[in-house]
Each structure stands twice: as structure tokens, then as C-alpha cells.
Amino acid sequence: MTNKTSSLLLRALVDLSEVHSSKLVRGNRTTFRHLGSCGALAARRTSLNLCPATPLSTPSRSFINLAASISSRRIEYTESRTLGYTPEQMYGVVSSVDQYQYFVPWCKKSRVMKGPNGDIRAELEIGFAPIVERYISEVTVVPNHQVRAVCTDGSLFSHLETLWRFSPGAKDQPGSCKVDFYVSFEFKSLLHSQLASVFFDEVVKQMVGAFESRAATLYRNQHAAPLRRRLS
């Protein structure tokens, strides 16, 4: 059973690596990118070598070479956008952790629990078929202003922190807010670290857009049902 599971895991990593390599070939990644009028995002890796990796020349780069190029180093990402929703509305979307399974990329299950000291904990299950992993984060909030989650238990990440901040938009944009998103992560094992590029491109960089789409679903229609559950 162990050999079969390892084989499935290795095959999945190879498949994901090939898909990711193909995407990189179609357009070189840069350290800084701009999102037009909606804001700017920047991605950086916390290491002494800040130079971008050499672009791939062909989509057939081997799994071994890809593994060598992706270390288990910590990766950070920040993004800021001005969105057409109030800080209270965006806080409502982000703080409703139990709803993540319905719109967050790769999130299969999500639930909120109370810790032994009354603290708030979120258990999330993410899947990169056939890999499915669960982890628990401790969540702290400043209502309508900030949501912070830090991974405290799980076999996937040795470090994972996400931070959302919300502030009113410009005076000439009533009903808007500025959203600042920050995430820092590092995988525990070398095997899992092979997913770093896929996790970064397919999950992290789509995160703010996913929450914006969720806000559109909930708030563009004035008769939309209220959020089922919020952290307070």
C-alpha cells in the first residue's frame, strides 16, 4: 500500500510539474507585475539570491531538474487592490472561513472550531489529486479591519501565514475599500516542496480574485442571502 501511494504521489507531482512547466514556457515570470487600474502585486522569495530563475526553454524539462530548482525555502507574496465593496463586506467574506470550500481554489473542506482556550481555529483540507492534506490554523481578527491565520498543525506546511487588511477606499470612490493581502509559506518535506510552484501560481496568485468574485456573488444582488457564519 505504501509503495502504491508513493507511486501515485510521484506520478501526480510529475503531471503537475509538466503542466506548470508548459505554462511557464508560454510567458516568462517576472518579479513584479501590474494589474492596471485595480492595483499592483509583487512576489518575492526570501533568500539572498533575488535574481529571477532562468526561463525554461522547452516544456519537457525533467522532474528531477524541476525538483532541483525548487527548494524548500520560504516564499512570500503580497497584493493590494481597491475593490468596489466596503471594508465591512470584504471582512465578512474573508472571515467566513467555513465558506472557503465553496470558492477558494483547491480548498475541498473548511470548518471553524473553538480551541481549548476559546481561540478560533480553522481546519482546511486542500487537494492536489491524488494528494489531499489537512491543516489547522489559528485565526485572529480585528472586526472589519483585519483577518490573520497562522498554521499550527499539519503535515504539509512548516510555515503558513496569511494576513488580510481592509481600509476605506478613496473619497472619490464611496463604498470601496483597499484590500491588502499577504501570504508566507514553506513546505515541510522536500517531496511536498515540489508543489511550491504549482501552489504559488494556481492558488496564491488567484486568492484575491477568488474573494472578489465571492463578494460579487454576495453583494451585487441586494437580496443576496447573508453570510451563514462569521468570525467575531
Protein backbone atom coordinates (compact mmCIF):
# COMPACT_ATOMS: atom_id res chain seq x y z
CA MET A 1 0.00 0.00 0.00
CA THR A 2 2.87 2.39 0.87
CA ASN A 3 4.59 1.71 -2.47
CA LYS A 4 1.32 2.26 -4.34
CA THR A 5 0.66 5.56 -2.53
CA SER A 6 4.21 6.76 -3.17
CA SER A 7 3.85 5.87 -6.84
CA LEU A 8 0.60 7.82 -7.12
CA LEU A 9 2.16 10.79 -5.33
CA LEU A 10 5.21 10.79 -7.58
CA ARG A 11 3.09 10.47 -10.72
CA ALA A 12 0.88 13.37 -9.57
CA LEU A 13 3.90 15.55 -8.92
CA VAL A 14 5.32 14.75 -12.35
CA ASP A 15 2.00 15.60 -14.03
CA LEU A 16 1.64 18.85 -12.09
CA SER A 17 5.25 19.76 -12.85
CA GLU A 18 4.76 19.21 -16.58
CA VAL A 19 1.60 21.36 -16.60
CA HIS A 20 3.37 24.11 -14.69
CA SER A 21 6.40 23.97 -16.99
CA SER A 22 4.16 24.32 -20.04
CA LYS A 23 2.59 27.45 -18.53
CA LEU A 24 5.98 28.97 -17.84
CA VAL A 25 7.03 28.47 -21.45
CA ARG A 26 4.09 30.50 -22.71
CA GLY A 27 5.20 33.54 -20.74
CA ASN A 28 8.24 34.32 -18.62
CA ARG A 29 7.52 35.09 -14.98
CA THR A 30 8.75 38.42 -13.63
CA THR A 31 9.33 39.55 -10.10
CA PHE A 32 6.89 42.47 -10.28
CA ARG A 33 3.58 42.59 -12.15
CA HIS A 34 0.94 45.29 -12.53
CA LEU A 35 -2.83 44.85 -12.54
CA GLY A 36 -3.76 48.02 -14.36
CA SER A 37 -6.19 50.30 -12.53
CA CYS A 38 -7.12 47.74 -9.87
CA GLY A 39 -3.76 47.74 -8.12
CA ALA A 40 -0.35 46.11 -8.17
CA LEU A 41 1.03 42.86 -6.92
CA ALA A 42 4.54 41.72 -6.15
CA ALA A 43 6.00 38.30 -5.47
CA ARG A 44 9.31 37.67 -3.84
CA ARG A 45 11.29 34.83 -2.31
CA THR A 46 13.11 35.38 0.96
CA SER A 47 16.63 34.40 0.01
CA LEU A 48 19.92 36.11 -0.66
CA ASN A 49 19.61 35.42 -4.37
CA LEU A 50 16.93 37.81 -5.61
CA CYS A 51 17.55 37.26 -9.31
CA PRO A 52 14.69 35.56 -11.19
CA ALA A 53 15.25 32.00 -12.30
CA THR A 54 16.41 31.38 -15.86
CA PRO A 55 13.33 30.95 -18.12
CA LEU A 56 12.62 27.41 -19.25
CA SER A 57 13.49 26.74 -22.87
CA THR A 58 11.25 23.74 -23.51
CA PRO A 59 8.11 22.28 -21.90
CA SER A 60 9.83 18.90 -21.49
CA ARG A 61 12.02 19.85 -18.53
CA SER A 62 12.55 16.74 -16.43
CA PHE A 63 11.01 16.25 -13.00
CA ILE A 64 14.47 15.86 -11.46
CA ASN A 65 15.63 19.21 -12.84
CA LEU A 66 12.45 20.91 -11.69
CA ALA A 67 12.89 19.40 -8.22
CA ALA A 68 16.42 20.75 -8.06
CA SER A 69 15.24 24.26 -8.94
CA ILE A 70 12.54 24.38 -6.26
CA SER A 71 13.98 24.37 -2.78
CA SER A 72 12.07 24.28 0.48
CA ARG A 73 12.78 27.97 1.05
CA ARG A 74 10.08 30.26 2.40
CA ILE A 75 8.07 32.15 -0.20
CA GLU A 76 6.23 35.43 0.34
CA TYR A 77 3.59 37.17 -1.75
CA THR A 78 1.78 40.49 -1.40
CA GLU A 79 -1.06 42.03 -3.36
CA SER A 80 -3.09 45.23 -2.99
CA ARG A 81 -6.31 46.10 -4.74
CA THR A 82 -9.06 48.67 -4.48
CA LEU A 83 -12.38 46.88 -4.73
CA GLY A 84 -15.93 48.16 -5.09
CA TYR A 85 -17.08 46.81 -1.75
CA THR A 86 -16.94 48.24 1.76
CA PRO A 87 -14.35 47.11 4.32
CA GLU A 88 -17.19 45.51 6.29
CA GLN A 89 -18.29 43.48 3.27
CA MET A 90 -14.82 42.23 2.40
CA TYR A 91 -14.14 41.43 6.03
CA GLY A 92 -17.36 39.41 6.03
CA VAL A 93 -16.16 37.34 3.08
CA VAL A 94 -12.67 36.68 4.42
CA SER A 95 -13.75 35.95 8.00
CA SER A 96 -16.33 33.36 6.90
CA VAL A 97 -13.74 30.59 6.90
CA ASP A 98 -16.32 27.81 6.84
CA GLN A 99 -17.40 29.03 3.39
CA TYR A 100 -13.94 28.68 1.82
CA GLN A 101 -14.73 25.23 0.47
CA TYR A 102 -17.20 26.81 -1.95
CA PHE A 103 -14.91 29.29 -3.68
CA VAL A 104 -11.24 29.15 -2.59
CA PRO A 105 -9.04 27.41 -5.21
CA TRP A 106 -8.17 23.79 -4.32
CA CYS A 107 -9.98 24.00 -0.95
CA LYS A 108 -12.04 20.84 -0.52
CA LYS A 109 -13.34 21.28 3.03
CA SER A 110 -13.33 24.04 5.64
CA ARG A 111 -14.69 24.32 9.15
CA VAL A 112 -14.29 26.56 12.17
CA MET A 113 -13.58 25.19 15.66
CA LYS A 114 -13.12 26.62 19.12
CA GLY A 115 -9.75 25.93 20.72
CA PRO A 116 -9.25 24.85 24.35
CA ASN A 117 -8.59 28.46 25.37
CA GLY A 118 -11.54 29.83 23.44
CA ASP A 119 -9.38 30.78 20.49
CA ILE A 120 -10.67 30.36 16.94
CA ARG A 121 -9.21 27.62 14.78
CA ALA A 122 -9.84 26.76 11.16
CA GLU A 123 -9.38 23.30 9.71
CA LEU A 124 -8.86 23.33 5.96
CA GLU A 125 -8.43 20.47 3.52
CA ILE A 126 -6.66 21.18 0.25
CA GLY A 127 -6.29 18.78 -2.59
CA PHE A 128 -3.83 18.28 -5.43
CA ALA A 129 -5.26 14.94 -6.61
CA PRO A 130 -4.38 12.34 -5.51
CA ILE A 131 -2.80 14.35 -2.66
CA VAL A 132 -5.23 15.59 -0.02
CA GLU A 133 -3.87 17.28 3.09
CA ARG A 134 -5.46 18.84 6.16
CA TYR A 135 -4.03 21.53 8.37
CA ILE A 136 -5.22 23.69 11.25
CA SER A 137 -4.67 27.43 11.57
CA GLU A 138 -5.21 29.75 14.49
CA VAL A 139 -7.31 32.72 13.36
CA THR A 140 -7.28 36.17 14.94
CA VAL A 141 -9.44 39.05 13.77
CA VAL A 142 -9.95 42.76 14.20
CA PRO A 143 -13.58 43.12 13.09
CA ASN A 144 -13.92 44.94 9.76
CA HIS A 145 -10.18 45.64 9.64
CA GLN A 146 -8.02 42.51 9.70
CA VAL A 147 -8.01 38.69 9.48
CA ARG A 148 -4.82 36.75 10.27
CA ALA A 149 -4.34 32.97 10.12
CA VAL A 150 -1.22 31.04 11.18
CA CYS A 151 -0.83 27.30 10.61
CA THR A 152 -0.33 25.49 13.92
CA ASP A 153 -0.78 21.83 12.99
CA GLY A 154 -0.41 19.84 9.79
CA SER A 155 1.95 17.65 7.79
CA LEU A 156 2.05 19.89 4.70
CA PHE A 157 3.46 23.23 5.85
CA SER A 158 6.31 24.01 8.21
CA HIS A 159 5.15 27.63 7.99
CA LEU A 160 1.99 29.24 6.63
CA GLU A 161 0.68 32.69 7.48
CA THR A 162 -1.99 34.73 5.71
CA LEU A 163 -2.93 38.29 6.54
CA TRP A 164 -5.79 40.39 5.15
CA ARG A 165 -6.21 44.09 5.90
CA PHE A 166 -9.14 46.30 4.91
CA SER A 167 -9.32 50.09 4.84
CA PRO A 168 -11.72 52.62 3.26
CA GLY A 169 -11.17 53.48 -0.39
CA ALA A 170 -10.54 56.92 -1.78
CA LYS A 171 -13.04 59.70 -1.07
CA ASP A 172 -13.98 59.83 -4.73
CA GLN A 173 -14.80 56.11 -4.61
CA PRO A 174 -17.53 55.80 -1.97
CA GLY A 175 -18.41 52.26 -0.98
CA SER A 176 -14.97 50.95 -1.94
CA CYS A 177 -12.10 49.63 0.11
CA LYS A 178 -8.41 48.90 -0.19
CA VAL A 179 -7.56 45.24 0.35
CA ASP A 180 -4.01 44.26 1.30
CA PHE A 181 -3.23 40.54 1.14
CA TYR A 182 -0.06 38.87 2.39
CA VAL A 183 0.91 35.20 2.50
CA SER A 184 4.12 33.46 3.53
CA PHE A 185 4.58 29.71 3.24
CA GLU A 186 7.12 26.92 3.35
CA PHE A 187 6.53 23.20 2.86
CA LYS A 188 7.73 20.67 5.44
CA SER A 189 9.11 17.95 3.21
CA LEU A 190 11.22 18.04 0.07
CA LEU A 191 8.59 15.91 -1.67
CA HIS A 192 5.85 18.39 -0.87
CA SER A 193 8.10 21.30 -1.81
CA GLN A 194 7.89 20.11 -5.43
CA LEU A 195 4.35 21.53 -5.32
CA ALA A 196 5.62 25.01 -4.43
CA SER A 197 5.42 26.50 -7.93
CA VAL A 198 2.03 24.94 -8.61
CA PHE A 199 0.69 26.08 -5.24
CA PHE A 200 2.05 29.58 -5.87
CA ASP A 201 0.62 30.01 -9.37
CA GLU A 202 -2.64 28.07 -9.05
CA VAL A 203 -3.66 29.04 -5.51
CA VAL A 204 -1.83 32.01 -4.02
CA LYS A 205 -1.97 34.34 -7.02
CA GLN A 206 -5.66 33.61 -7.55
CA MET A 207 -6.64 34.21 -3.94
CA VAL A 208 -7.69 37.87 -4.03
CA GLY A 209 -9.59 37.34 -7.28
CA ALA A 210 -11.47 34.43 -5.71
CA PHE A 211 -12.56 36.56 -2.75
CA GLU A 212 -13.55 39.42 -5.05
CA SER A 213 -15.73 37.03 -7.07
CA ARG A 214 -17.29 35.77 -3.83
CA ALA A 215 -18.09 39.35 -2.80
CA ALA A 216 -19.71 39.93 -6.19
CA THR A 217 -21.91 36.88 -5.69
CA LEU A 218 -22.98 38.00 -2.21
CA TYR A 219 -23.32 41.75 -2.55
CA ARG A 220 -24.13 42.75 -6.12
CA ASN A 221 -27.63 41.49 -5.59
CA GLN A 222 -29.25 43.46 -2.76
CA HIS A 223 -31.40 40.44 -1.96
CA ALA A 224 -28.43 38.10 -1.59
CA ALA A 225 -28.66 35.86 1.45
CA PRO A 226 -26.48 36.95 4.39
CA LEU A 227 -23.32 35.05 5.14
CA ARG A 228 -24.12 31.89 7.06
CA ARG A 229 -21.35 32.26 9.55
CA ARG A 230 -18.81 34.88 10.53
CA LEU A 231 -16.00 35.02 12.98
CA SER A 232 -16.44 37.67 15.63
